[in-house]
Amino acid sequence: MSREAINDQPKQAKPVPKVNEENGQGKPERDRRQDLNRIVETLNKTAELFNRHLKFKVNEKTNRTVIQIIDDKTQEVVKQIPPEKLQDMAANLEEAVGLIIDEYI
C-alpha cells in the first residue's frame, strides 16, 4: 500500500470522558479521585514508618479539607493542616464578608 492509501483511511475518534463541571480542571472526576486515593495510600504507607497515619475530613463551617496526622499509639493529633485557629478565622471572615455583602445589596 502506498502512503496515500494509508492516510486516506479515516481515523476512529476516541470518546471523550465527561468532565465534572464543578471541578473545572478539565480532568474527569473519576480520574481525580483515583489519583487522590493513590496519593493518600502512598502517604499513609510512608507515615506508617513513623507510626502515624493521615485522616482527611471536611470542616463543616468552611467546607474545606482538613488533614490530620494521627499518632498510631496514642491516637492523638500530632499536626493538623490548616490549624484550628486558622480554620476559625476563615469561617469568621467568610461570615463577616457575607454580612457586608448582604448589607450592601
Protein backbone atom coordinates (compact mmCIF):
# COMPACT_ATOMS: atom_id res chain seq x y z
CA MET A 1 0.00 0.00 0.00
CA SER A 2 1.15 3.48 -0.73
CA ARG A 3 1.36 6.24 1.86
CA GLU A 4 -1.58 7.99 0.28
CA ALA A 5 -3.77 4.94 0.72
CA ILE A 6 -2.89 4.69 4.41
CA ASN A 7 -3.53 8.40 5.06
CA ASP A 8 -6.87 8.26 3.27
CA GLN A 9 -8.31 5.88 5.86
CA PRO A 10 -10.47 7.74 8.38
CA LYS A 11 -9.21 7.80 11.94
CA GLN A 12 -11.54 6.48 14.57
CA ALA A 13 -12.31 9.07 17.24
CA LYS A 14 -11.99 8.05 20.88
CA PRO A 15 -14.89 9.05 23.13
CA VAL A 16 -14.07 11.95 25.43
CA PRO A 17 -14.88 11.29 29.09
CA LYS A 18 -17.33 13.67 30.72
CA VAL A 19 -15.77 16.35 32.86
CA ASN A 20 -17.36 17.34 36.13
CA GLU A 21 -18.27 20.99 35.67
CA GLU A 22 -17.74 21.72 39.36
CA ASN A 23 -14.07 20.75 39.43
CA GLY A 24 -13.26 22.95 36.42
CA GLN A 25 -9.94 21.21 35.99
CA GLY A 26 -10.66 19.55 32.66
CA LYS A 27 -9.96 16.11 34.13
CA PRO A 28 -12.66 13.51 34.70
CA GLU A 29 -13.80 13.37 38.33
CA ARG A 30 -13.26 9.58 38.41
CA ASP A 31 -9.57 10.00 37.45
CA ARG A 32 -9.06 12.75 40.03
CA ARG A 33 -10.49 10.52 42.78
CA GLN A 34 -8.29 7.61 41.71
CA ASP A 35 -5.24 9.90 41.71
CA LEU A 36 -6.15 11.23 45.15
CA ASN A 37 -6.70 7.71 46.54
CA ARG A 38 -3.29 6.62 45.22
CA ILE A 39 -1.60 9.66 46.75
CA VAL A 40 -3.30 9.13 50.13
CA GLU A 41 -2.34 5.46 50.09
CA THR A 42 1.30 6.33 49.37
CA LEU A 43 1.34 8.98 52.09
CA ASN A 44 -0.19 6.57 54.62
CA LYS A 45 2.42 3.92 53.78
CA THR A 46 5.16 6.48 54.33
CA ALA A 47 3.55 7.68 57.57
CA GLU A 48 3.44 4.07 58.84
CA LEU A 49 7.23 4.17 59.04
CA PHE A 50 6.83 6.79 61.75
CA ASN A 51 3.84 5.12 63.49
CA ARG A 52 1.50 7.75 62.09
CA HIS A 53 -1.48 7.85 59.74
CA LEU A 54 -3.39 10.55 57.89
CA LYS A 55 -7.02 11.44 58.41
CA PHE A 56 -8.93 13.61 55.94
CA LYS A 57 -12.09 15.43 56.93
CA VAL A 58 -14.13 18.44 55.86
CA ASN A 59 -14.60 21.46 58.11
CA GLU A 60 -18.36 22.00 58.40
CA LYS A 61 -18.11 25.79 58.72
CA THR A 62 -15.83 26.44 55.74
CA ASN A 63 -16.48 23.28 53.69
CA ARG A 64 -12.70 22.90 53.21
CA THR A 65 -10.49 19.83 53.54
CA VAL A 66 -8.58 19.34 56.80
CA ILE A 67 -5.69 16.89 57.09
CA GLN A 68 -4.70 15.44 60.44
CA ILE A 69 -1.57 13.46 61.25
CA ILE A 70 -2.50 10.94 63.96
CA ASP A 71 -0.10 9.05 66.25
CA ASP A 72 -0.95 5.33 65.97
CA LYS A 73 -0.05 4.53 69.58
CA THR A 74 -1.85 7.37 71.36
CA GLN A 75 -4.44 8.27 68.67
CA GLU A 76 -3.59 11.94 69.34
CA VAL A 77 -3.49 14.55 66.59
CA VAL A 78 0.20 15.35 66.08
CA LYS A 79 -0.42 18.04 63.45
CA GLN A 80 -3.40 19.48 61.66
CA ILE A 81 -3.34 21.34 58.35
CA PRO A 82 -4.67 24.02 58.40
CA PRO A 83 -4.53 24.65 62.16
CA GLU A 84 -7.81 25.01 64.09
CA LYS A 85 -7.25 28.74 64.71
CA LEU A 86 -6.80 29.40 61.01
CA GLN A 87 -9.99 27.48 60.20
CA ASP A 88 -11.93 29.55 62.75
CA MET A 89 -10.51 32.77 61.32
CA ALA A 90 -11.50 31.74 57.79
CA ALA A 91 -15.04 30.87 58.92
CA ASN A 92 -15.40 34.21 60.75
CA LEU A 93 -14.03 36.11 57.77
CA GLU A 94 -16.42 34.38 55.36
CA GLU A 95 -19.31 35.17 57.68
CA ALA A 96 -18.28 38.83 58.00
CA VAL A 97 -17.89 39.20 54.23
CA GLY A 98 -21.31 37.63 53.78
CA LEU A 99 -22.86 40.13 56.21
CA ILE A 100 -21.19 43.08 54.48
CA ILE A 101 -22.41 41.93 51.08
CA ASP A 102 -25.92 41.36 52.43
CA GLU A 103 -25.99 44.90 53.86
CA TYR A 104 -24.58 46.39 50.66
CA ILE A 105 -27.15 44.70 48.46
